[in-house]
Amino acid sequence: MRYAYALTGALLLGGTAASLALQNPATAQIAQNEPGAISAAAPRAGAPMSFADMVAKLQPAVVNISTTQKVTVQQQANPFAGTPFGDLFGQFGGGGGGGGAPVTREGQSLGSGFLISADGYVVTNNHVIAPAAKGATVESITVTLQDRKEYKAKLIGRDPTSDLAVLKITSPTPLPFVKLGDSTRARVGDWVVAIGQPFGLGGTVTAGIVSAVHRSTGQPGPFDTFIQTDAAINQGNSGGPMFNLNGEVIGINSQIYSQSGGNIGIGFAIPASEARPILATLMKGEAVKRGYLGVGIQRVNDDIAGALGLPKDQGEIIGRVEPGGPGAKAGLRSGDVVIAINGEAVTPDRTLSSLVANAAPGSSIKLDVIRDGKRQSLNAVVATRPSDDQLAAINGDSDSDDGLPDDDSGAQATPGSSSLGISVQPLTPQIARSIGVDSTVQGVVVAGVDPSTDAGQKLKRGDVISSVNSQPVRTGADVARIVAAAKAAGRPSVLLNLTRGRQASGFIAVKIK
């Protein structure tokens, strides 16, 4: 996944209710996409002859957004320091000494946005106006209108989790603007028009259809539901609007799927109906607060569903429960499958993360879970979701290499583990230290895998298995007994609770040989 915005500069080359009452009621100006103003200009539904008249009405509200940034980096040390050539090549690393002194360089980011009120509120993506590299700071933000007038913008609010931001510019005269529409009515096959500033060019218009709604891109967090389109979206389109044929903003162009950085017909837009309440909060200068359970979750894919005997794409499985967190206090356990929140089913389109995030911090929610094949209900009081950076620190992101001793003589090649294509041995404190897992982790450690098996494609030496089909395992015999029972019950696979190094534990289904 690539963000659809452009970076330039020596160092940084690599680098939204029915309509919100966002316009100032004191102004008499109407939105560029008011039904009465746009209906005569819009192409006929189903067989458009031209988008020109509609675009002429909408394009003035679409803007270019650029930032100037400064970033401090460590300069490369002088490779000739301490030699007779040190002074001659002193420009490397800043002198004839050891070099490596930090230097400050300038860069730019380019993206798109659109005005949502006559008094100058602008919507864009957070990543368009955020620092583009570690150590970078944003010095200024400039908004350029279609008539090439430039305005210095003030950042009113930003929300990295949803990748949305609101800016404000000041003009002596009312500005052209557009309103947010109802993205929940978008259907696959509907015509859409994207307007933006790709590659820093002037206003560019592309058209296509809605390729998918409720599209998940596999990213973590509560906001992984997009409108997918084949309308060309390239670098610099980020933050620009996606319009339907009524001239309503139904999406905010955000990302592209591309291996080269260019358009291949797969672009993603944040649905306007999901963005609307977030933008309303940001416009007030307030931080967006979301619900939090304090659990690690995984989607119930085909393999996991087969191992648990559940329908696929129903619910999400709890992989980790944060000690003392709301989930733990509610009685959630690792291995529970949450199938509904307050009666609303957990599905790939409405994930557990999004349902919990939409709950107000401090509110009580009802969780329907399946535990050991039986359905039960739990009540939880949600907390306030930490920032993305704080969550990354909680979950951890390291990947430990194999720290097992080379001598595998202690490995237990039991019938059960052999049925999976692995050999295991009890996890001792010494082995735990050597493979870098927390001392609180218990289970068996994988000492070897058969590369020709399903386990050989998913597991590796040094992985720790804490449970099989939600039953704790401490020896190879435990694994054998549970696998044999699953095989006798006709299950094609078993579900392992796995820990790898200092990563948070998770679940993986492994086929039985």
Protein backbone atom coordinates (compact mmCIF):
# COMPACT_ATOMS: atom_id res chain seq x y z
CA MET A 1 0.00 0.00 0.00
CA ARG A 2 1.30 3.41 -0.91
CA TYR A 3 0.09 6.79 0.18
CA ALA A 4 -0.88 8.82 -2.87
CA TYR A 5 1.08 11.96 -2.24
CA ALA A 6 4.36 13.26 -3.59
CA LEU A 7 7.62 14.17 -1.88
CA THR A 8 10.32 16.33 -3.40
CA GLY A 9 13.61 17.75 -2.20
CA ALA A 10 17.20 16.62 -1.84
CA LEU A 11 16.59 14.51 1.24
CA LEU A 12 12.92 13.65 1.02
CA LEU A 13 12.96 12.07 -2.43
CA GLY A 14 12.70 8.68 -0.82
CA GLY A 15 11.03 9.61 1.09
CA THR A 16 -15.96 13.88 6.61
CA ALA A 17 -24.30 13.88 9.32
CA ALA A 18 -26.41 14.29 5.93
CA SER A 19 -24.32 17.28 5.15
CA LEU A 20 -22.33 18.83 7.97
CA ALA A 21 -23.18 22.43 8.64
CA LEU A 22 -19.59 23.27 7.82
CA GLN A 23 -20.32 26.48 5.96
CA ASN A 24 -20.62 29.73 7.80
CA PRO A 25 -24.36 30.55 8.06
CA ALA A 26 -23.47 34.23 7.85
CA THR A 27 -22.50 33.81 4.20
CA ALA A 28 -25.06 33.63 1.43
CA GLN A 29 -22.87 31.59 -0.86
CA ILE A 30 -24.04 28.07 -1.66
CA ALA A 31 -21.93 24.98 -2.03
CA GLN A 32 -20.56 24.26 -5.47
CA ASN A 33 -22.32 20.90 -5.36
CA GLU A 34 -25.79 22.02 -4.13
CA PRO A 35 -28.41 19.81 -5.85
CA GLY A 36 -29.94 22.73 -7.69
CA ALA A 37 -26.56 23.90 -8.88
CA ILE A 38 -25.22 20.59 -10.05
CA SER A 39 -28.17 18.58 -11.41
CA ALA A 40 -28.29 20.36 -14.74
CA ALA A 41 -24.54 19.98 -15.14
CA ALA A 42 -24.23 16.32 -14.15
CA PRO A 43 -24.06 13.66 -16.85
CA ARG A 44 -27.13 11.49 -17.24
CA ALA A 45 -27.04 8.52 -14.86
CA GLY A 46 -25.96 5.34 -16.56
CA ALA A 47 -24.55 6.74 -19.79
CA PRO A 48 -22.53 9.92 -19.30
CA MET A 49 -21.64 11.83 -22.46
CA SER A 50 -19.27 14.22 -20.70
CA PHE A 51 -18.21 15.17 -17.19
CA ALA A 52 -17.09 18.63 -18.31
CA ASP A 53 -19.97 20.74 -16.97
CA MET A 54 -19.97 18.95 -13.64
CA VAL A 55 -16.21 19.26 -13.27
CA ALA A 56 -16.39 22.97 -14.09
CA LYS A 57 -18.64 23.44 -11.06
CA LEU A 58 -16.61 21.25 -8.70
CA GLN A 59 -12.99 21.90 -9.58
CA PRO A 60 -12.75 25.41 -8.01
CA ALA A 61 -13.24 23.83 -4.56
CA VAL A 62 -10.31 21.42 -5.01
CA VAL A 63 -6.92 22.72 -3.89
CA ASN A 64 -3.25 21.89 -3.99
CA ILE A 65 -1.49 21.53 -0.65
CA SER A 66 2.25 21.85 -0.25
CA THR A 67 4.48 21.92 2.79
CA THR A 68 8.01 23.08 3.40
CA GLN A 69 9.89 20.87 5.81
CA LYS A 70 13.24 20.80 7.52
CA VAL A 71 14.90 17.61 8.59
CA THR A 72 18.04 17.04 10.60
CA VAL A 73 20.12 14.05 9.58
CA GLN A 74 23.44 12.60 10.59
CA GLN A 75 25.98 13.31 7.88
CA GLN A 76 28.22 10.52 6.66
CA ALA A 77 31.58 10.50 8.37
CA ASN A 78 34.67 11.58 6.40
CA PRO A 79 36.18 8.34 5.08
CA PHE A 80 39.59 10.05 4.79
CA ALA A 81 39.71 11.36 8.37
CA GLY A 82 43.06 10.72 9.99
CA THR A 83 44.87 10.31 6.68
CA PRO A 84 46.97 12.78 4.64
CA PHE A 85 43.89 13.27 2.47
CA GLY A 86 41.64 14.31 5.37
CA ASP A 87 41.88 18.04 4.73
CA LEU A 88 41.68 17.66 0.97
CA PHE A 89 38.39 15.76 1.20
CA GLY A 90 37.15 17.58 4.27
CA GLN A 91 33.84 18.34 2.61
CA PHE A 92 32.84 14.75 3.32
CA GLY A 93 31.39 14.64 6.82
CA GLY A 94 32.01 18.32 7.45
CA GLY A 95 35.76 18.60 7.93
CA GLY A 96 38.94 16.67 8.34
CA GLY A 97 37.97 15.18 11.69
CA GLY A 98 35.67 12.25 12.32
CA GLY A 99 32.78 14.04 10.60
CA GLY A 100 29.26 12.81 10.97
CA ALA A 101 27.96 16.17 12.23
CA PRO A 102 24.17 16.58 11.89
CA VAL A 103 22.98 18.82 9.06
CA THR A 104 19.58 20.36 8.30
CA ARG A 105 18.11 20.10 4.83
CA GLU A 106 14.90 21.25 3.21
CA GLY A 107 12.20 19.30 1.41
CA GLN A 108 8.63 19.56 0.23
CA SER A 109 5.51 17.41 0.20
CA LEU A 110 2.72 17.80 -2.32
CA GLY A 111 -0.88 16.62 -2.08
CA SER A 112 -4.49 17.60 -2.61
CA GLY A 113 -7.45 18.76 -0.54
CA PHE A 114 -10.84 20.42 -0.86
CA LEU A 115 -12.71 23.31 0.72
CA ILE A 116 -15.76 22.36 2.81
CA SER A 117 -16.90 25.86 3.83
CA ALA A 118 -16.97 29.35 2.36
CA ASP A 119 -14.86 30.63 5.26
CA GLY A 120 -11.87 28.46 4.40
CA TYR A 121 -11.90 25.07 6.09
CA VAL A 122 -9.94 22.52 4.05
CA VAL A 123 -9.96 18.73 4.29
CA THR A 124 -6.95 16.62 3.39
CA ASN A 125 -5.09 13.52 4.53
CA ASN A 126 -2.93 13.67 7.64
CA HIS A 127 0.03 12.20 5.80
CA VAL A 128 -0.03 15.11 3.33
CA ILE A 129 0.78 17.65 6.04
CA ALA A 130 2.71 15.45 8.48
CA PRO A 131 6.51 15.30 8.72
CA ALA A 132 7.65 13.07 5.88
CA ALA A 133 10.70 11.57 7.58
CA LYS A 134 12.11 10.90 11.01
CA GLY A 135 13.58 14.10 12.42
CA ALA A 136 11.58 16.31 10.04
CA THR A 137 9.49 19.32 11.08
CA VAL A 138 6.83 21.09 9.02
CA GLU A 139 7.71 24.75 8.69
CA SER A 140 4.71 25.95 6.66
CA ILE A 141 1.62 24.74 4.78
CA THR A 142 0.45 26.45 1.58
CA VAL A 143 -2.96 26.01 -0.07
CA THR A 144 -3.22 26.94 -3.74
CA LEU A 145 -6.60 27.39 -5.41
CA GLN A 146 -7.47 26.72 -9.03
CA ASP A 147 -7.01 30.42 -9.85
CA ARG A 148 -3.43 30.06 -8.55
CA LYS A 149 -4.04 32.22 -5.47
CA GLU A 150 -1.92 31.02 -2.57
CA TYR A 151 -2.83 31.07 1.10
CA LYS A 152 -0.81 30.18 4.18
CA ALA A 153 -2.81 27.55 6.03
CA LYS A 154 -3.23 26.92 9.75
CA LEU A 155 -3.47 23.36 10.97
CA ILE A 156 -6.73 23.10 12.94
CA GLY A 157 -6.63 19.41 13.77
CA ARG A 158 -5.22 16.09 12.66
CA ASP A 159 -6.01 12.46 13.34
CA PRO A 160 -3.28 10.02 12.28
CA THR A 161 -5.44 6.98 13.03
CA SER A 162 -8.01 7.84 10.34
CA ASP A 163 -5.43 9.75 8.27
CA LEU A 164 -7.52 12.93 8.21
CA ALA A 165 -6.61 16.57 8.82
CA VAL A 166 -8.39 19.93 8.74
CA LEU A 167 -6.71 23.17 7.69
CA LYS A 168 -7.97 26.79 7.69
CA ILE A 169 -7.21 29.57 5.26
CA THR A 170 -8.44 33.16 5.42
CA SER A 171 -9.79 35.04 2.41
CA PRO A 172 -11.41 38.50 2.19
CA THR A 173 -14.13 36.99 -0.02
CA PRO A 174 -16.19 33.78 0.33
CA LEU A 175 -14.50 30.73 -1.13
CA PRO A 176 -15.95 27.97 -3.35
CA PHE A 177 -16.65 24.78 -1.39
CA VAL A 178 -18.29 21.38 -1.64
CA LYS A 179 -20.27 19.26 0.82
CA LEU A 180 -19.87 15.71 2.02
CA GLY A 181 -22.40 13.21 0.71
CA ASP A 182 -23.71 9.85 1.90
CA SER A 183 -21.11 7.25 1.03
CA THR A 184 -23.24 4.42 2.46
CA ARG A 185 -25.37 4.60 -0.69
CA ALA A 186 -22.42 3.99 -3.00
CA ARG A 187 -22.73 0.79 -5.02
CA VAL A 188 -20.21 -1.25 -6.93
CA GLY A 189 -20.35 -0.09 -10.53
CA ASP A 190 -21.34 3.52 -9.80
CA TRP A 191 -19.52 6.19 -11.77
CA VAL A 192 -17.10 8.32 -9.75
CA VAL A 193 -14.86 11.29 -10.57
CA ALA A 194 -11.59 12.02 -8.77
CA ILE A 195 -10.05 15.49 -8.80
CA GLY A 196 -6.59 16.21 -7.46
CA GLN A 197 -3.04 17.35 -8.05
CA PRO A 198 -1.01 14.27 -9.01
CA PHE A 199 2.73 14.70 -9.37
CA GLY A 200 2.41 18.41 -8.58
CA LEU A 201 0.64 19.11 -11.86
CA GLY A 202 -2.34 21.45 -12.01
CA GLY A 203 -5.87 20.23 -11.32
CA THR A 204 -6.31 16.79 -12.88
CA VAL A 205 -9.59 14.93 -13.37
CA THR A 206 -10.02 11.17 -13.75
CA ALA A 207 -13.17 9.05 -13.95
CA GLY A 208 -13.97 5.44 -13.20
CA ILE A 209 -16.32 3.28 -11.23
CA VAL A 210 -16.64 2.04 -7.67
CA SER A 211 -14.77 -1.25 -7.73
CA ALA A 212 -15.62 -2.29 -4.16
CA VAL A 213 -17.10 -0.91 -0.96
CA HIS A 214 -16.04 -1.89 2.56
CA ARG A 215 -12.66 -2.86 1.13
CA SER A 216 -10.10 -3.93 3.73
CA THR A 217 -6.44 -3.51 2.84
CA GLY A 218 -5.10 -5.61 5.70
CA GLN A 219 -3.76 -2.71 7.75
CA PRO A 220 -4.03 -2.81 11.54
CA GLY A 221 -6.35 -0.46 13.42
CA PRO A 222 -10.01 0.56 13.36
CA PHE A 223 -10.00 2.38 10.03
CA ASP A 224 -9.33 -0.19 7.36
CA THR A 225 -12.55 0.18 5.35
CA PHE A 226 -12.24 1.97 2.04
CA ILE A 227 -14.07 2.60 -1.20
CA GLN A 228 -12.01 1.07 -3.98
CA THR A 229 -12.02 2.62 -7.42
CA ASP A 230 -10.39 2.18 -10.78
CA ALA A 231 -10.38 5.94 -11.40
CA ALA A 232 -6.72 6.84 -11.85
CA ILE A 233 -5.20 7.94 -8.54
CA ASN A 234 -1.50 8.75 -8.45
CA GLN A 235 1.02 10.37 -6.16
CA GLY A 236 -0.30 13.79 -5.23
CA ASN A 237 -3.97 12.75 -5.34
CA SER A 238 -3.97 12.15 -1.58
CA GLY A 239 -6.55 14.26 0.23
CA GLY A 240 -8.50 15.06 -2.92
CA PRO A 241 -12.23 14.37 -3.26
CA MET A 242 -14.02 11.51 -4.99
CA PHE A 243 -17.41 12.62 -6.37
CA ASN A 244 -20.47 10.65 -7.42
CA LEU A 245 -22.59 11.78 -10.38
CA ASN A 246 -24.65 14.05 -8.13
CA GLY A 247 -21.48 15.98 -7.39
CA GLU A 248 -21.36 14.76 -3.79
CA VAL A 249 -18.08 13.98 -2.06
CA ILE A 250 -18.40 10.30 -1.19
CA GLY A 251 -14.72 9.66 -0.50
CA ILE A 252 -11.36 11.19 0.27
CA ASN A 253 -8.65 9.73 -1.95
CA SER A 254 -6.02 8.27 0.29
CA GLN A 255 -3.98 5.33 -0.97
CA ILE A 256 -3.04 3.35 -4.02
CA TYR A 257 -2.03 -0.24 -4.53
CA SER A 258 1.03 -0.23 -6.71
CA GLN A 259 4.45 -1.80 -6.93
CA SER A 260 5.84 1.11 -8.92
CA GLY A 261 4.13 4.08 -7.26
CA GLY A 262 1.99 4.75 -10.34
CA ASN A 263 -1.65 4.00 -11.01
CA ILE A 264 -2.60 0.44 -11.90
CA GLY A 265 -6.35 0.90 -11.46
CA ILE A 266 -6.57 0.15 -7.73
CA GLY A 267 -7.11 3.22 -5.57
CA PHE A 268 -8.69 3.67 -2.16
CA ALA A 269 -10.77 6.47 -0.66
CA ILE A 270 -11.86 7.06 2.95
CA PRO A 271 -15.70 6.87 2.96
CA ALA A 272 -17.24 10.30 3.58
CA SER A 273 -19.76 8.93 6.07
CA GLU A 274 -16.92 7.62 8.24
CA ALA A 275 -14.90 10.80 7.89
CA ARG A 276 -17.79 13.18 8.72
CA PRO A 277 -17.87 12.85 12.55
CA ILE A 278 -14.08 12.89 12.72
CA LEU A 279 -13.85 16.09 10.70
CA ALA A 280 -16.57 17.72 12.83
CA THR A 281 -14.48 17.00 15.92
CA LEU A 282 -11.26 18.26 14.35
CA MET A 283 -12.93 21.49 13.23
CA LYS A 284 -13.71 22.22 16.88
CA GLY A 285 -10.02 21.86 17.69
CA GLU A 286 -10.72 18.74 19.73
CA ALA A 287 -8.92 15.41 19.76
CA VAL A 288 -10.76 12.37 18.46
CA LYS A 289 -11.43 9.86 21.24
CA ARG A 290 -12.17 6.22 20.55
CA GLY A 291 -13.07 3.14 22.53
CA TYR A 292 -10.42 0.59 23.51
CA LEU A 293 -10.59 -2.98 24.82
CA GLY A 294 -6.91 -3.74 25.27
CA VAL A 295 -6.80 -6.93 23.24
CA GLY A 296 -4.88 -8.25 20.27
CA ILE A 297 -7.15 -9.68 17.57
CA GLN A 298 -7.01 -11.75 14.41
CA ARG A 299 -9.52 -12.36 11.63
CA VAL A 300 -11.07 -15.83 11.57
CA ASN A 301 -9.81 -17.00 8.18
CA ASP A 302 -10.64 -20.30 6.50
CA ASP A 303 -7.90 -22.23 8.31
CA ILE A 304 -8.77 -20.91 11.76
CA ALA A 305 -12.49 -21.43 11.14
CA GLY A 306 -11.77 -25.04 10.12
CA ALA A 307 -9.70 -25.64 13.23
CA LEU A 308 -12.44 -24.27 15.50
CA GLY A 309 -15.39 -25.72 13.56
CA LEU A 310 -16.84 -22.25 12.94
CA PRO A 311 -18.24 -20.56 9.82
CA LYS A 312 -15.58 -18.54 8.02
CA ASP A 313 -15.56 -14.77 8.15
CA GLN A 314 -17.56 -14.79 11.37
CA GLY A 315 -16.03 -12.97 14.30
CA GLU A 316 -12.44 -12.30 15.29
CA ILE A 317 -10.25 -14.28 17.64
CA ILE A 318 -8.58 -12.78 20.71
CA GLY A 319 -4.86 -13.41 20.54
CA ARG A 320 -3.68 -11.33 23.49
CA VAL A 321 -5.39 -9.74 26.48
CA GLU A 322 -3.66 -6.77 28.08
CA PRO A 323 -3.36 -7.38 31.83
CA GLY A 324 -5.62 -5.01 33.76
CA GLY A 325 -7.20 -3.70 30.56
CA PRO A 326 -10.94 -3.41 29.82
CA GLY A 327 -10.99 -6.78 28.06
CA ALA A 328 -9.28 -8.54 30.93
CA LYS A 329 -11.66 -6.96 33.45
CA ALA A 330 -14.61 -8.14 31.33
CA GLY A 331 -13.28 -11.71 31.46
CA LEU A 332 -12.04 -12.04 27.89
CA ARG A 333 -9.47 -14.77 27.34
CA SER A 334 -6.96 -15.55 24.66
CA GLY A 335 -8.70 -17.86 22.19
CA ASP A 336 -12.18 -16.34 22.61
CA VAL A 337 -13.93 -15.58 19.32
CA VAL A 338 -15.92 -12.33 19.50
CA ILE A 339 -18.84 -12.63 17.09
CA ALA A 340 -20.90 -9.50 17.96
CA ILE A 341 -20.73 -6.16 19.74
CA ASN A 342 -24.02 -4.82 21.11
CA GLY A 343 -25.82 -7.21 18.77
CA GLU A 344 -23.96 -6.10 15.65
CA ALA A 345 -22.11 -8.94 13.97
CA VAL A 346 -18.34 -8.79 13.67
CA THR A 347 -17.53 -9.32 9.99
CA PRO A 348 -14.72 -8.41 7.59
CA ASP A 349 -16.77 -5.30 6.71
CA ARG A 350 -17.45 -4.33 10.34
CA THR A 351 -14.38 -5.37 12.28
CA LEU A 352 -14.06 -5.67 16.03
CA SER A 353 -11.60 -2.77 16.03
CA SER A 354 -14.01 -0.42 14.24
CA LEU A 355 -17.01 -1.40 16.38
CA VAL A 356 -15.09 -0.88 19.62
CA ALA A 357 -13.48 2.33 18.37
CA ASN A 358 -16.93 3.78 17.67
CA ALA A 359 -17.98 3.17 21.28
CA ALA A 360 -17.60 6.20 23.55
CA PRO A 361 -14.86 5.81 26.16
CA GLY A 362 -16.48 4.97 29.49
CA SER A 363 -19.51 3.33 27.89
CA SER A 364 -20.52 -0.30 28.44
CA ILE A 365 -20.69 -2.74 25.55
CA LYS A 366 -22.00 -6.30 25.31
CA LEU A 367 -19.65 -8.87 23.80
CA ASP A 368 -21.00 -12.11 22.35
CA VAL A 369 -18.17 -14.65 22.33
CA ILE A 370 -17.62 -18.30 21.53
CA ARG A 371 -15.42 -20.07 24.08
CA ASP A 372 -14.68 -23.78 23.83
CA GLY A 373 -17.46 -24.10 21.27
CA LYS A 374 -20.10 -22.49 23.52
CA ARG A 375 -21.66 -19.05 23.13
CA GLN A 376 -21.71 -16.64 26.05
CA SER A 377 -21.98 -12.91 26.72
CA LEU A 378 -19.62 -10.57 28.53
CA ASN A 379 -19.92 -6.89 29.44
CA ALA A 380 -17.01 -4.50 29.12
CA VAL A 381 -16.48 -0.84 29.93
CA VAL A 382 -14.31 0.57 27.16
CA ALA A 383 -11.35 2.83 27.86
CA THR A 384 -9.82 5.53 25.70
CA ARG A 385 -7.74 4.22 22.82
CA PRO A 386 -4.04 5.14 23.11
CA SER A 387 -2.22 6.81 20.24
CA ASP A 388 -0.81 4.69 17.44
CA ASP A 389 2.73 5.22 18.75
CA GLN A 390 1.70 4.10 22.24
CA LEU A 391 -0.01 1.02 20.82
CA ALA A 392 3.10 0.10 18.86
CA ALA A 393 5.13 0.27 22.07
CA ILE A 394 2.57 -1.91 23.89
CA ASN A 395 2.39 -4.56 21.18
CA GLY A 396 6.08 -4.63 20.37
CA ASP A 397 7.52 -5.00 16.91
CA SER A 398 10.75 -6.96 17.22
CA ASP A 399 11.47 -10.26 15.55
CA SER A 400 13.92 -12.50 17.32
CA ASP A 401 16.12 -14.89 15.38
CA ASP A 402 16.41 -18.54 16.32
CA GLY A 403 18.18 -18.75 19.67
CA LEU A 404 17.81 -22.47 20.26
CA PRO A 405 20.86 -24.58 20.95
CA ASP A 406 22.10 -26.59 17.96
CA ASP A 407 21.74 -29.88 19.87
CA ASP A 408 18.23 -31.16 19.17
CA SER A 409 18.59 -34.25 21.31
CA GLY A 410 15.96 -32.96 23.71
CA ALA A 411 13.32 -32.55 21.04
CA GLN A 412 10.24 -34.74 21.39
CA ALA A 413 9.13 -36.11 18.03
CA THR A 414 5.79 -37.36 19.39
CA PRO A 415 3.04 -38.80 17.16
CA GLY A 416 0.96 -35.63 17.59
CA SER A 417 3.70 -33.25 16.66
CA SER A 418 4.75 -35.56 13.84
CA SER A 419 1.18 -35.34 12.53
CA LEU A 420 1.80 -31.62 12.17
CA GLY A 421 5.30 -31.95 10.78
CA ILE A 422 7.11 -30.50 13.78
CA SER A 423 9.22 -31.66 16.69
CA VAL A 424 8.84 -29.89 20.02
CA GLN A 425 10.40 -29.76 23.47
CA PRO A 426 9.33 -28.17 26.78
CA LEU A 427 10.12 -24.47 27.10
CA THR A 428 12.65 -24.03 29.90
CA PRO A 429 13.78 -20.68 31.37
CA GLN A 430 17.15 -21.14 29.69
CA ILE A 431 15.60 -21.70 26.27
CA ALA A 432 13.22 -18.78 26.82
CA ARG A 433 16.18 -16.49 27.43
CA SER A 434 18.05 -17.80 24.41
CA ILE A 435 15.15 -17.28 21.99
CA GLY A 436 14.17 -13.92 23.47
CA VAL A 437 10.66 -14.67 24.73
CA ASP A 438 9.24 -13.21 27.92
CA SER A 439 9.75 -15.26 31.06
CA THR A 440 5.98 -15.39 31.62
CA VAL A 441 5.43 -17.36 28.38
CA GLN A 442 4.75 -21.07 28.86
CA GLY A 443 4.44 -23.90 26.37
CA VAL A 444 6.57 -26.00 24.07
CA VAL A 445 9.20 -24.71 21.69
CA VAL A 446 9.48 -25.83 18.08
CA ALA A 447 12.83 -27.54 17.62
CA GLY A 448 12.36 -28.61 14.01
CA VAL A 449 9.89 -28.42 11.14
CA ASP A 450 9.25 -30.53 8.05
CA PRO A 451 9.44 -28.08 5.11
CA SER A 452 7.09 -30.25 3.03
CA THR A 453 4.19 -29.74 5.48
CA ASP A 454 1.81 -26.84 6.10
CA ALA A 455 3.60 -26.23 9.39
CA GLY A 456 6.87 -25.97 7.48
CA GLN A 457 5.43 -22.99 5.60
CA LYS A 458 4.11 -21.25 8.71
CA LEU A 459 6.33 -22.15 11.67
CA LYS A 460 10.02 -21.92 12.31
CA ARG A 461 12.47 -23.23 14.81
CA GLY A 462 12.25 -21.25 18.07
CA ASP A 463 8.50 -20.59 17.86
CA VAL A 464 6.68 -21.20 21.16
CA ILE A 465 3.31 -22.99 21.15
CA SER A 466 1.31 -22.12 24.29
CA SER A 467 -1.93 -23.90 23.39
CA VAL A 468 -3.48 -26.14 20.77
CA ASN A 469 -7.21 -25.67 20.13
CA SER A 470 -7.34 -23.43 23.22
CA GLN A 471 -5.92 -26.18 25.45
CA PRO A 472 -2.61 -25.39 27.20
CA VAL A 473 0.37 -27.54 26.20
CA ARG A 474 3.54 -28.06 28.23
CA THR A 475 4.93 -31.24 26.67
CA GLY A 476 5.00 -32.99 23.36
CA ALA A 477 2.53 -35.53 24.77
CA ASP A 478 0.04 -32.70 25.32
CA VAL A 479 0.36 -31.74 21.66
CA ALA A 480 -0.04 -35.36 20.56
CA ARG A 481 -3.21 -35.91 22.59
CA ILE A 482 -4.97 -32.74 21.32
CA VAL A 483 -3.97 -33.28 17.70
CA ALA A 484 -5.16 -36.91 17.83
CA ALA A 485 -8.53 -35.80 19.23
CA ALA A 486 -8.91 -33.19 16.49
CA LYS A 487 -8.03 -35.76 13.83
CA ALA A 488 -10.55 -38.23 15.25
CA ALA A 489 -13.22 -35.50 15.17
CA GLY A 490 -12.53 -34.94 11.48
CA ARG A 491 -10.96 -31.53 11.89
CA PRO A 492 -8.61 -30.65 9.00
CA SER A 493 -6.39 -28.46 11.16
CA VAL A 494 -5.59 -27.34 14.67
CA LEU A 495 -5.26 -23.84 16.08
CA LEU A 496 -1.95 -22.92 17.68
CA ASN A 497 -1.36 -19.99 20.00
CA LEU A 498 2.10 -18.91 18.91
CA THR A 499 4.75 -16.57 20.27
CA ARG A 500 7.78 -15.61 18.21
CA GLY A 501 10.53 -13.72 20.01
CA ARG A 502 9.23 -10.56 21.60
CA GLN A 503 6.29 -10.24 19.25
CA ALA A 504 2.81 -10.40 20.76
CA SER A 505 1.30 -13.87 20.67
CA GLY A 506 -1.17 -14.77 17.93
CA PHE A 507 -3.10 -17.66 16.46
CA ILE A 508 -2.27 -19.72 13.43
CA ALA A 509 -4.06 -22.75 11.99
CA VAL A 510 -1.90 -25.67 10.88
CA LYS A 511 -3.16 -28.55 8.76
CA ILE A 512 -2.90 -32.09 10.11
CA LYS A 513 -0.93 -34.44 7.88
